[in-house]
Protein backbone atom coordinates (compact mmCIF):
# COMPACT_ATOMS: atom_id res chain seq x y z
CA MET A 1 -0.12 0.01 -0.03
CA THR A 2 1.01 3.53 -0.96
CA GLU A 3 2.13 5.61 2.05
CA LYS A 4 0.24 8.61 0.98
CA LEU A 5 0.10 11.81 3.43
CA LEU A 6 -3.37 12.11 4.50
CA THR A 7 -4.52 15.63 6.10
CA VAL A 8 -6.95 15.76 8.83
CA VAL A 9 -8.24 19.09 9.93
CA THR A 10 -10.00 20.56 13.10
CA PRO A 11 -11.05 23.91 13.94
CA PHE A 12 -11.34 24.66 17.66
CA TYR A 13 -13.03 27.10 19.72
CA ASN A 14 -13.35 27.13 23.56
CA SER A 15 -13.00 23.36 23.10
CA MET A 16 -11.55 22.35 26.39
CA GLU A 17 -14.85 19.97 27.04
CA PHE A 18 -13.91 17.96 23.95
CA ILE A 19 -10.19 18.55 22.85
CA ASP A 20 -8.83 15.25 23.83
CA LYS A 21 -11.55 13.39 21.94
CA PRO A 22 -10.53 13.97 18.49
CA ILE A 23 -6.68 14.45 19.01
CA ARG A 24 -6.57 11.17 20.85
CA SER A 25 -8.52 9.48 17.91
CA MET A 26 -5.72 10.91 15.74
CA LEU A 27 -3.10 9.57 17.92
CA CYS A 28 -4.66 6.11 18.01
CA GLN A 29 -4.64 5.64 14.09
CA THR A 30 -3.10 2.47 12.91
CA TYR A 31 -1.97 4.43 9.65
CA GLN A 32 1.09 6.41 10.50
CA ASN A 33 1.56 8.85 7.50
CA TRP A 34 -0.87 11.80 8.53
CA GLU A 35 -0.80 15.35 9.48
CA TYR A 36 -3.15 16.84 11.89
CA ILE A 37 -3.71 20.45 11.43
CA CYS A 38 -5.71 21.96 14.31
CA VAL A 39 -6.93 25.85 14.09
CA ASP A 40 -7.77 27.70 16.96
CA ASP A 41 -10.22 30.23 16.58
CA CYS A 42 -9.25 32.80 19.29
CA SER A 43 -10.54 30.78 22.11
CA THR A 44 -10.52 32.56 25.51
CA ASP A 45 -10.14 29.36 27.35
CA ARG A 46 -6.64 26.93 27.55
CA THR A 47 -7.57 25.37 24.06
CA LEU A 48 -4.78 27.11 22.20
CA GLU A 49 -2.43 26.05 25.11
CA LYS A 50 -3.68 22.67 25.27
CA LEU A 51 -3.35 22.10 21.43
CA ARG A 52 0.36 23.07 21.78
CA GLU A 53 0.98 20.84 24.50
CA TYR A 54 -0.16 18.09 22.22
CA ALA A 55 1.95 19.54 19.24
CA ALA A 56 5.10 19.51 21.15
CA LYS A 57 4.81 15.67 21.77
CA ASP A 58 4.02 14.81 18.11
CA PRO A 59 5.39 16.77 15.47
CA ARG A 60 2.64 15.49 12.96
CA ILE A 61 0.03 17.94 15.15
CA LYS A 62 0.48 21.28 13.85
CA VAL A 63 -1.29 24.43 15.33
CA ILE A 64 -2.79 27.39 13.52
CA ALA A 65 -3.44 30.21 15.68
CA ARG A 66 -5.85 32.78 14.03
CA GLU A 67 -5.66 36.27 15.14
CA LYS A 68 -9.19 37.33 14.26
CA ASN A 69 -12.27 34.89 15.18
CA SER A 70 -13.99 33.95 12.04
CA GLY A 71 -17.41 33.63 13.86
CA SER A 72 -17.98 30.02 12.22
CA ALA A 73 -15.94 26.66 11.81
CA ALA A 74 -15.99 27.31 8.29
CA GLY A 75 -13.05 29.95 8.75
CA GLY A 76 -10.96 27.16 10.76
CA PHE A 77 -11.54 24.46 7.99
CA ASN A 78 -10.82 27.01 5.29
CA ALA A 79 -7.36 27.81 7.24
CA GLY A 80 -6.59 24.36 7.55
CA ILE A 81 -7.09 23.42 4.17
CA LEU A 82 -5.01 26.15 2.90
CA ALA A 83 -1.95 25.11 4.90
CA ALA A 84 -2.68 21.23 3.92
CA LYS A 85 0.19 19.20 2.56
CA GLY A 86 -1.70 15.68 2.17
CA THR A 87 -3.03 14.49 -1.13
CA TYR A 88 -6.42 14.07 0.65
CA ILE A 89 -8.02 16.04 3.21
CA GLN A 90 -10.61 14.79 5.76
CA LEU A 91 -12.34 17.41 8.18
CA LEU A 92 -13.01 16.42 11.73
CA GLY A 93 -15.15 18.39 14.08
CA HIS A 94 -13.91 19.48 17.37
CA ASP A 95 -16.29 16.91 19.20
CA ASP A 96 -15.92 14.28 16.73
CA GLU A 97 -13.78 11.30 16.34
CA LEU A 98 -12.24 8.93 13.96
CA SER A 99 -12.14 4.93 14.55
CA PRO A 100 -8.48 3.68 14.99
CA ASP A 101 -8.56 2.22 11.36
CA LEU A 102 -10.33 4.95 9.60
CA LEU A 103 -7.20 6.72 7.82
CA GLU A 104 -5.51 2.90 7.05
CA ASN A 105 -8.87 1.92 5.38
CA ILE A 106 -9.25 5.15 3.30
CA ALA A 107 -5.53 4.98 2.31
CA LYS A 108 -6.29 1.41 1.14
CA ARG A 109 -9.30 2.38 -0.55
CA ILE A 110 -7.39 5.12 -2.52
CA ASP A 111 -4.97 2.51 -3.94
CA GLU A 112 -7.75 0.12 -4.77
CA THR A 113 -10.04 2.69 -6.60
CA ASN A 114 -7.99 6.03 -7.16
CA ALA A 115 -11.20 7.63 -6.33
CA ASP A 116 -11.42 11.51 -5.53
CA VAL A 117 -13.66 10.96 -2.39
CA ILE A 118 -13.83 8.04 -0.01
CA ILE A 119 -16.84 7.93 2.09
CA PRO A 120 -16.12 5.63 5.18
CA ASP A 121 -19.02 4.36 7.37
CA ALA A 122 -20.27 6.72 9.96
CA ARG A 123 -21.86 6.46 13.60
CA ILE A 124 -24.31 9.49 14.45
CA VAL A 125 -24.40 9.54 18.33
CA GLY A 126 -27.03 11.77 19.62
CA LYS A 127 -27.34 13.25 23.11
CA GLY A 128 -30.81 14.73 24.07
CA VAL A 129 -31.36 15.52 20.79
CA SER A 130 -34.04 12.76 19.47
CA GLU A 131 -35.36 9.83 21.48
CA ASP A 132 -35.85 8.00 18.08
CA LEU A 133 -32.47 8.95 16.54
CA GLU A 134 -30.25 8.56 19.64
CA THR A 135 -27.33 6.42 17.90
CA PHE A 136 -27.52 4.99 14.41
CA ASP A 137 -24.84 3.99 11.88
CA MET A 138 -24.55 4.90 8.09
CA ILE A 139 -23.12 2.28 5.65
CA GLY A 140 -22.99 2.61 2.08
CA ILE A 141 -26.07 4.04 0.91
CA THR A 142 -29.01 4.72 3.25
CA PRO A 143 -32.25 3.16 1.69
CA SER A 144 -35.22 5.33 0.38
CA ASN A 145 -38.51 5.10 1.80
CA LYS A 146 -39.85 5.05 -1.71
CA GLY A 147 -39.93 2.37 -4.35
CA LYS A 148 -36.95 0.38 -5.49
CA ASP A 149 -33.50 1.50 -4.92
CA ASP A 150 -31.15 1.74 -8.07
CA PHE A 151 -28.19 1.07 -5.60
CA LYS A 152 -27.52 -1.83 -3.32
CA THR A 153 -27.68 -0.63 0.39
CA LYS A 154 -24.66 -1.46 2.89
CA ASP A 155 -22.54 -2.19 0.17
CA ARG A 156 -18.85 -0.58 0.32
CA SER A 157 -17.85 -2.06 -2.82
CA ILE A 158 -19.99 0.05 -5.23
CA ILE A 159 -18.35 2.82 -7.10
CA LEU A 160 -20.33 6.30 -7.87
CA SER A 161 -20.07 8.82 -10.50
CA GLY A 162 -19.84 12.42 -8.90
CA ARG A 163 -23.39 13.04 -10.56
CA GLU A 164 -24.73 9.96 -8.62
CA ALA A 165 -23.29 11.22 -5.28
CA PHE A 166 -24.71 14.45 -5.90
CA VAL A 167 -28.36 13.12 -6.32
CA LEU A 168 -28.01 10.71 -3.00
CA SER A 169 -26.50 13.61 -1.13
CA LEU A 170 -29.55 15.75 -1.87
CA ASN A 171 -31.59 14.12 0.90
CA TRP A 172 -28.44 12.79 2.48
CA ARG A 173 -28.48 8.95 1.55
CA ILE A 174 -24.87 8.90 1.49
CA HIS A 175 -23.15 11.50 4.25
CA GLY A 176 -20.42 14.30 3.84
CA TRP A 177 -18.11 13.39 6.24
CA ALA A 178 -15.81 11.70 3.62
CA CYS A 179 -12.19 12.35 2.44
CA PHE A 180 -11.65 14.23 -0.64
CA SER A 181 -8.44 14.76 -2.72
CA THR A 182 -6.53 17.85 -2.46
CA ASN A 183 -6.86 18.00 -6.54
CA LEU A 184 -10.71 17.74 -6.27
CA ILE A 185 -10.81 20.52 -3.28
CA GLY A 186 -8.73 23.00 -5.33
CA LYS A 187 -11.36 22.86 -8.14
CA CYS A 188 -14.22 24.11 -6.07
CA ASP A 189 -14.99 27.59 -3.83
CA LYS A 190 -13.95 27.43 -0.66
CA LEU A 191 -16.45 26.90 2.47
CA ASN A 192 -18.67 30.28 2.74
CA GLU A 193 -17.97 31.87 5.91
CA GLY A 194 -21.07 33.88 6.06
CA VAL A 195 -23.79 31.07 6.50
CA MET A 196 -24.54 28.23 9.03
CA ASN A 197 -23.50 24.76 7.98
CA PRO A 198 -21.80 25.83 4.74
CA ASP A 199 -20.31 22.24 4.31
CA GLU A 200 -23.69 21.22 3.35
CA LEU A 201 -23.30 23.09 0.01
CA TRP A 202 -19.59 22.25 -0.21
CA THR A 203 -19.69 18.72 0.11
CA ARG A 204 -22.24 18.68 -2.73
CA GLU A 205 -20.27 20.70 -5.00
CA LEU A 206 -17.18 18.55 -4.33
CA PHE A 207 -19.65 15.49 -5.14
CA LEU A 208 -20.69 16.89 -8.41
CA ASN A 209 -17.01 17.79 -9.60
CA ALA A 210 -15.81 14.17 -8.69
CA GLU A 211 -15.12 11.71 -11.21
CA LYS A 212 -15.37 8.67 -8.68
CA VAL A 213 -16.52 7.84 -5.17
CA ALA A 214 -16.06 4.97 -3.16
CA PHE A 215 -16.71 3.70 0.02
CA CYS A 216 -14.70 2.17 2.79
CA GLU A 217 -15.02 0.67 6.41
CA GLY A 218 -13.67 2.25 9.45
CA GLN A 219 -16.10 5.33 11.26
CA TYR A 220 -16.53 8.58 11.33
CA VAL A 221 -18.38 9.23 14.75
CA TYR A 222 -20.60 12.35 14.74
CA LEU A 223 -21.73 13.65 18.08
CA ARG A 224 -25.20 15.19 17.75
CA ARG A 225 -25.49 17.61 20.88
CA LYS A 226 -28.78 19.33 21.88
CA ASP A 227 -26.77 22.40 22.94
CA SER A 228 -24.30 22.77 19.81
CA ILE A 229 -24.34 25.57 17.59
CA SER A 230 -26.08 23.50 14.73
CA ASN A 231 -29.09 22.76 17.10
CA LYS A 232 -29.38 25.84 18.72
CA MET A 233 -32.60 28.10 17.98
CA ASN A 234 -31.05 31.21 16.12
CA ALA A 235 -31.54 33.29 13.20
CA LYS A 236 -28.63 31.51 11.27
CA SER A 237 -30.31 28.15 11.16
CA PHE A 238 -32.70 29.67 8.31
CA ASP A 239 -29.59 29.92 6.12
CA VAL A 240 -30.67 26.69 5.23
CA PHE A 241 -32.80 28.00 2.57
CA LYS A 242 -29.63 29.89 0.93
CA VAL A 243 -28.00 26.30 0.57
CA GLN A 244 -31.27 25.01 -1.18
CA GLN A 245 -31.14 28.13 -3.59
CA LYS A 246 -27.49 27.22 -4.58
CA LEU A 247 -28.55 23.52 -4.96
CA LEU A 248 -31.55 24.45 -7.38
CA GLU A 249 -29.15 26.53 -9.30
CA LEU A 250 -26.44 23.75 -9.59
CA LEU A 251 -29.38 21.02 -10.39
CA LYS A 252 -30.42 23.57 -13.16
CA SER A 253 -27.01 24.50 -14.56
CA HIS A 254 -25.92 20.83 -14.80
CA LYS A 255 -29.00 19.79 -16.63
CA PHE A 256 -30.55 17.37 -14.05
CA GLY A 257 -33.82 16.05 -14.74
CA ARG A 258 -37.51 15.91 -13.17
CA LYS A 259 -36.60 13.02 -10.83
CA GLU A 260 -33.66 14.98 -9.04
CA LEU A 261 -35.69 18.36 -8.89
CA LYS A 262 -38.37 16.38 -7.41
CA ILE A 263 -36.28 15.14 -4.65
CA TRP A 264 -35.12 19.07 -3.94
CA LYS A 265 -38.54 19.99 -4.01
CA GLU A 266 -39.79 17.69 -1.31
CA ASN A 267 -36.77 18.22 0.74
CA THR A 268 -37.48 22.26 0.50
CA LEU A 269 -41.10 21.81 1.40
CA PHE A 270 -40.22 19.64 4.42
CA ARG A 271 -37.67 22.23 5.43
CA LEU A 272 -40.15 24.88 4.94
CA GLN A 273 -42.72 23.36 6.95
CA SER A 274 -40.26 22.46 10.06
CA HIS A 275 -38.50 26.18 9.97
CA SER A 276 -41.98 27.81 9.66
CA TYR A 277 -42.71 26.01 12.93
CA ARG A 278 -39.29 26.85 14.53
CA TYR A 279 -39.84 30.55 13.79
CA LEU A 280 -43.40 30.47 15.12
CA PHE A 281 -42.89 28.66 18.37
CA ASN A 282 -39.44 30.06 19.04
CA GLN A 283 -39.51 33.70 17.90
CA HIS A 284 -39.90 35.20 21.26
CA LEU A 285 -36.48 34.01 21.98
CA PHE A 286 -35.08 36.08 18.97
CA SER A 287 -34.02 39.87 19.13
CA ALA A 288 -36.15 42.08 16.71
CA GLU A 289 -32.95 42.27 14.09
CA GLU A 290 -33.10 38.36 14.34
CA ARG A 291 -36.84 37.94 14.01
CA LYS A 292 -36.52 40.26 10.61
CA LYS A 293 -33.77 38.17 9.24
CA ALA A 294 -35.61 35.08 10.01
CA LYS A 295 -38.99 36.49 8.69
CA ASP A 296 -37.22 37.74 5.40
CA ILE A 297 -35.41 34.52 4.90
CA LEU A 298 -38.56 32.46 5.13
CA LYS A 299 -40.39 35.09 2.79
CA GLN A 300 -37.91 34.54 0.33
CA ALA A 301 -38.12 30.81 0.53
CA TRP A 302 -41.67 30.41 0.02
CA LYS A 303 -41.64 32.53 -3.07
CA MET A 304 -38.58 30.11 -4.25
CA ALA A 305 -40.77 27.53 -3.47
CA PHE A 306 -43.83 28.76 -5.18
CA ARG A 307 -41.72 29.25 -8.53
CA GLU A 308 -40.89 25.62 -8.65
CA CYS A 309 -43.89 24.20 -6.95
CA TRP A 310 -46.96 26.15 -7.67
CA TYR A 311 -48.51 23.15 -9.81
CA ASN A 312 -47.70 20.82 -7.06
CA LEU A 313 -50.51 19.65 -4.71
CA LYS A 314 -48.21 18.98 -2.02
CA PHE A 315 -47.17 22.83 -1.96
CA TYR A 316 -50.63 24.03 -1.22
CA LEU A 317 -51.33 21.13 1.30
CA THR A 318 -48.09 22.11 3.09
CA LEU A 319 -49.32 25.78 3.07
CA LEU A 320 -52.66 24.88 4.38
CA LYS A 321 -51.50 22.79 6.91
CA ILE A 322 -48.95 25.65 8.51
CA ASN A 323 -51.62 28.23 8.24
CA ASN A 324 -54.03 26.12 10.11
CA ASN A 325 -51.45 25.83 12.98
CA VAL A 326 -50.75 28.98 12.89
CA ARG A 327 -54.19 30.29 13.56
CA ARG A 328 -54.68 27.60 16.30
CA TYR A 329 -51.16 28.75 17.97
CA LYS A 330 -52.46 32.34 17.74
CA LYS A 331 -55.87 31.43 19.50
CA TYR A 332 -53.75 29.49 22.20
CA CYS A 333 -51.68 32.74 22.79
CA CYS A 334 -54.41 34.90 23.09
CA LEU A 335 -56.14 32.56 25.50
CA LYS A 336 -53.13 32.19 27.46
CA LYS A 337 -52.72 35.83 27.81
CA LYS A 338 -56.52 36.19 29.11
CA LEU A 339 -56.03 33.49 31.78
CA GLN A 340 -52.64 35.07 32.81
CA LYS A 341 -54.54 38.64 33.48
CA LYS A 342 -56.74 36.81 35.48
CA GLY A 343 -54.30 35.24 37.38
CA MET A 344 -55.63 31.52 36.46
CA ILE A 345 -52.19 30.58 35.30
CA ASP A 346 -48.55 31.80 35.95
């Protein structure tokens, strides 16, 4: 097996609670030819000091201390990617970890397939996020709930084209915690530091520009926390519709057909329903500026959905369901205020 240099990049910000987990998972790798770039985004705790302690013990760990906080993990990832010397790059969250055999399996699969993208197994571990999805694994391609699948599931031997991988990623039937070739990354824009979860768009653009996408054993372990930034209720969570807009542009510019557009439409309508409820039930937690931002994004998202789905019955059923629930919620709030004035409830 060719000993390719593999780069792993993690941005850290006030990460003392989690810092040992990703670093120790790197130090336990059975594959030795790696570099681990740790980017500190102006932490105010001991994160940078701890990173430098690890780097002093192992020269493969390299620390970048940013002079100005970027406001998102994307800035740290971009800085790490820019400094990477490896032929392939794996991004790793500050509270995630890699199984000890992951890099070895990735390197082996690169030798076997020469693929631009290697997708390992993933284990999603939830903590207080959802009772139904506390822990689950993704191996190969997640089965669809509708109809017969074109691809075998739980099959790591399959090789996808970039277009096939892009389509499967539209509703995340394949995950995005993949290892990408440095050459492929160079063909695409860097992560957008101005939106929340920019990797959702970046990963799909990489899939689309890839020639071959392969799977391998070994696990990327992703921690879903209720108090994580991605799960917190804030106005930036509505940036998801900016990603949906860009995905629509990619679908049209690369001449995908009705089948692929249908997946996008169903996903967009689902997100519109869930985020409309999120805004309705949580707007009291927002500042006036955040309410305006969230409301404006939702308004533009509904306009986008209408342009693409005006002839689709599901669009009107979704809108009707939301309007009915909005009316019920307003009646509930009105009744609650009356009862509070009378001192009948707190």
